[in-house]
N, C-alpha and C. Protein backbone atom coordinates (compact mmCIF):
# COMPACT_ATOMS: atom_id res chain seq x y z
N MET A 1 104.14 101.78 130.95
CA MET A 1 105.07 101.96 129.85
C MET A 1 105.53 100.58 129.38
N PRO A 2 105.46 100.31 128.09
CA PRO A 2 105.87 99.00 127.60
C PRO A 2 107.39 98.80 127.72
N LEU A 3 107.74 97.55 127.93
CA LEU A 3 109.16 97.23 128.03
C LEU A 3 109.88 97.40 126.70
N PHE A 4 109.19 97.02 125.63
CA PHE A 4 109.78 97.10 124.30
C PHE A 4 108.90 97.98 123.43
N LYS A 5 109.44 99.04 122.96
CA LYS A 5 108.69 99.93 122.07
C LYS A 5 109.04 99.53 120.64
N ARG A 6 108.03 99.17 119.89
CA ARG A 6 108.24 98.75 118.51
C ARG A 6 108.37 99.99 117.62
N ARG A 7 109.51 100.18 117.08
CA ARG A 7 109.78 101.31 116.20
C ARG A 7 109.90 100.80 114.78
N VAL A 8 109.12 101.36 113.90
CA VAL A 8 109.19 100.96 112.50
C VAL A 8 110.18 101.89 111.81
N THR A 9 111.25 101.31 111.32
CA THR A 9 112.23 102.11 110.59
C THR A 9 112.34 101.58 109.18
N GLY A 10 112.55 102.46 108.29
CA GLY A 10 112.66 102.07 106.89
C GLY A 10 114.10 101.94 106.46
N LYS A 11 114.24 101.36 105.31
CA LYS A 11 115.57 101.22 104.71
C LYS A 11 115.74 102.32 103.68
N PRO A 12 116.94 102.85 103.56
CA PRO A 12 117.16 103.84 102.51
C PRO A 12 116.81 103.24 101.15
N GLY A 13 116.12 104.00 100.35
CA GLY A 13 115.74 103.52 99.03
C GLY A 13 114.36 102.90 98.97
N GLU A 14 113.69 102.74 100.12
CA GLU A 14 112.30 102.28 100.13
C GLU A 14 111.40 103.51 100.20
N TRP A 15 110.52 103.62 99.24
CA TRP A 15 109.64 104.78 99.16
C TRP A 15 108.21 104.37 99.42
N TYR A 16 107.47 105.22 100.11
CA TYR A 16 106.08 104.97 100.47
C TYR A 16 105.24 106.20 100.14
N TYR A 17 103.94 105.98 99.96
CA TYR A 17 103.02 107.09 99.80
C TYR A 17 102.10 107.08 101.02
N CYS A 18 102.12 108.16 101.81
CA CYS A 18 101.29 108.27 103.00
C CYS A 18 99.90 108.75 102.60
N LEU A 19 98.89 107.94 102.91
CA LEU A 19 97.51 108.28 102.56
C LEU A 19 96.95 109.38 103.45
N GLU A 20 97.44 109.47 104.67
CA GLU A 20 96.94 110.48 105.60
C GLU A 20 97.50 111.86 105.28
N HIS A 21 98.81 111.92 105.03
CA HIS A 21 99.46 113.21 104.78
C HIS A 21 99.54 113.56 103.29
N LYS A 22 99.16 112.60 102.44
CA LYS A 22 99.17 112.80 100.98
C LYS A 22 100.55 113.23 100.48
N LYS A 23 101.58 112.49 100.95
CA LYS A 23 102.94 112.83 100.53
C LYS A 23 103.79 111.56 100.43
N VAL A 24 104.89 111.69 99.70
CA VAL A 24 105.85 110.60 99.54
C VAL A 24 106.86 110.70 100.67
N GLU A 25 107.23 109.54 101.22
CA GLU A 25 108.24 109.53 102.27
C GLU A 25 109.22 108.38 102.04
N GLU A 26 110.46 108.62 102.39
CA GLU A 26 111.47 107.56 102.27
C GLU A 26 111.52 106.81 103.60
N GLY A 27 111.32 105.51 103.52
CA GLY A 27 111.21 104.73 104.74
C GLY A 27 109.84 104.97 105.36
N PRO A 28 109.28 103.99 106.03
CA PRO A 28 107.94 104.19 106.57
C PRO A 28 107.95 105.07 107.81
N ASP A 29 107.46 106.29 107.68
CA ASP A 29 107.32 107.19 108.83
C ASP A 29 105.96 107.00 109.48
N CYS A 30 104.96 106.65 108.70
CA CYS A 30 103.60 106.52 109.19
C CYS A 30 103.23 105.04 109.33
N PRO A 31 102.19 104.73 110.10
CA PRO A 31 101.76 103.34 110.27
C PRO A 31 101.37 102.68 108.96
N GLY A 32 101.50 101.37 108.89
CA GLY A 32 101.20 100.62 107.68
C GLY A 32 99.79 100.82 107.18
N LYS A 33 98.84 101.04 108.07
CA LYS A 33 97.44 101.22 107.65
C LYS A 33 97.24 102.52 106.87
N ASP A 34 98.22 103.43 106.95
CA ASP A 34 98.09 104.73 106.30
C ASP A 34 99.01 104.91 105.11
N ARG A 35 99.56 103.82 104.56
CA ARG A 35 100.52 104.02 103.47
C ARG A 35 100.43 102.91 102.42
N PHE A 36 100.88 103.26 101.22
CA PHE A 36 101.09 102.31 100.13
C PHE A 36 102.59 102.15 99.97
N GLY A 37 103.03 100.96 99.62
CA GLY A 37 104.45 100.76 99.36
C GLY A 37 104.95 99.50 100.01
N PRO A 38 106.21 99.21 99.88
CA PRO A 38 107.27 100.08 99.38
C PRO A 38 107.36 100.07 97.86
N TYR A 39 107.88 101.18 97.36
CA TYR A 39 108.15 101.35 95.94
C TYR A 39 109.66 101.45 95.75
N ALA A 40 110.12 101.10 94.56
CA ALA A 40 111.56 101.10 94.27
C ALA A 40 112.11 102.51 94.07
N SER A 41 111.24 103.46 93.69
CA SER A 41 111.73 104.81 93.43
C SER A 41 110.71 105.84 93.93
N ARG A 42 111.21 107.04 94.09
CA ARG A 42 110.34 108.15 94.51
C ARG A 42 109.24 108.39 93.46
N GLN A 43 109.59 108.28 92.17
CA GLN A 43 108.63 108.52 91.11
C GLN A 43 107.47 107.51 91.16
N GLU A 44 107.78 106.24 91.45
CA GLU A 44 106.72 105.24 91.56
C GLU A 44 105.78 105.59 92.72
N ALA A 45 106.36 106.00 93.84
CA ALA A 45 105.56 106.36 95.01
C ALA A 45 104.69 107.59 94.73
N GLU A 46 105.21 108.53 93.95
CA GLU A 46 104.44 109.73 93.61
C GLU A 46 103.20 109.39 92.79
N HIS A 47 103.23 108.28 92.06
CA HIS A 47 102.11 107.87 91.23
C HIS A 47 101.29 106.74 91.87
N ALA A 48 101.40 106.59 93.19
CA ALA A 48 100.74 105.49 93.89
C ALA A 48 99.22 105.54 93.72
N MET A 49 98.63 106.71 93.86
CA MET A 49 97.17 106.81 93.76
C MET A 49 96.70 106.53 92.33
N GLU A 50 97.45 106.99 91.35
CA GLU A 50 97.12 106.73 89.95
C GLU A 50 97.20 105.22 89.65
N SER A 51 98.25 104.58 90.16
CA SER A 51 98.40 103.13 89.97
C SER A 51 97.26 102.37 90.64
N ALA A 52 96.86 102.81 91.82
CA ALA A 52 95.76 102.15 92.53
C ALA A 52 94.45 102.30 91.76
N ARG A 53 94.20 103.47 91.21
CA ARG A 53 92.98 103.68 90.40
C ARG A 53 92.97 102.77 89.18
N GLU A 54 94.12 102.67 88.51
CA GLU A 54 94.21 101.81 87.32
C GLU A 54 93.97 100.35 87.68
N ARG A 55 94.57 99.89 88.80
CA ARG A 55 94.36 98.50 89.24
C ARG A 55 92.90 98.25 89.61
N ASN A 56 92.29 99.20 90.28
CA ASN A 56 90.88 99.05 90.65
C ASN A 56 90.00 98.92 89.41
N LEU A 57 90.27 99.71 88.39
CA LEU A 57 89.50 99.61 87.14
C LEU A 57 89.69 98.25 86.49
N GLN A 58 90.93 97.76 86.49
CA GLN A 58 91.18 96.43 85.92
C GLN A 58 90.40 95.36 86.67
N TRP A 59 90.39 95.43 87.99
CA TRP A 59 89.68 94.43 88.78
C TRP A 59 88.17 94.54 88.60
N GLU A 60 87.66 95.77 88.52
CA GLU A 60 86.22 95.96 88.32
C GLU A 60 85.76 95.43 86.97
N ASN A 61 86.64 95.48 85.98
CA ASN A 61 86.28 95.02 84.64
C ASN A 61 86.76 93.60 84.34
N ASP A 62 87.29 92.92 85.33
CA ASP A 62 87.77 91.55 85.16
C ASP A 62 86.56 90.62 85.06
N PRO A 63 86.44 89.88 83.96
CA PRO A 63 85.28 89.00 83.80
C PRO A 63 85.20 87.91 84.86
N LYS A 64 86.29 87.56 85.49
CA LYS A 64 86.25 86.54 86.55
C LYS A 64 85.39 87.00 87.73
N TRP A 65 85.29 88.30 87.94
CA TRP A 65 84.52 88.83 89.06
C TRP A 65 83.03 88.92 88.71
N HIS A 66 82.68 88.72 87.45
CA HIS A 66 81.30 88.87 87.02
C HIS A 66 80.76 87.58 86.41
N ASP A 67 81.29 86.45 86.84
CA ASP A 67 80.82 85.17 86.33
C ASP A 67 79.40 84.88 86.80
N ALA A 68 78.71 84.08 86.01
CA ALA A 68 77.37 83.63 86.41
C ALA A 68 77.51 82.65 87.57
N PRO A 69 76.55 82.62 88.47
CA PRO A 69 76.59 81.65 89.56
C PRO A 69 76.60 80.23 89.00
N ALA A 70 77.15 79.30 89.73
CA ALA A 70 77.24 77.91 89.27
C ALA A 70 75.86 77.35 89.01
N GLY A 71 75.68 76.81 87.81
CA GLY A 71 74.42 76.15 87.46
C GLY A 71 73.27 77.10 87.13
N GLY A 72 73.56 78.34 86.84
CA GLY A 72 72.45 79.26 86.53
C GLY A 72 72.90 80.44 85.71
N THR A 73 72.01 81.39 85.60
CA THR A 73 72.30 82.61 84.87
C THR A 73 72.54 83.72 85.88
N PRO A 74 73.21 84.77 85.47
CA PRO A 74 73.45 85.86 86.42
C PRO A 74 72.15 86.49 86.90
N ASP A 75 72.15 86.94 88.14
CA ASP A 75 70.98 87.62 88.70
C ASP A 75 70.73 88.90 87.96
N GLU A 76 69.48 89.23 87.74
CA GLU A 76 69.14 90.49 87.09
C GLU A 76 68.63 91.43 88.16
N ASP A 77 69.18 92.66 88.17
CA ASP A 77 68.75 93.65 89.16
C ASP A 77 67.74 94.58 88.60
């Protein structure tokens, strides 16, 4: 048995979206690897997956990620 048990407690007003349980929770109830957040409001946390999809699309379409290699032309597949 460990001498010190690390308990993760949240602060009131911090909202998270649990990826495992697919629900919004106030304060982190689940491990960090299973959640997005913190968010300032419950509504922001409820839209966590939508926000993540939008950010992923922005990153996928960012021209910085599709630059030609230095000194050449882009590889053709």
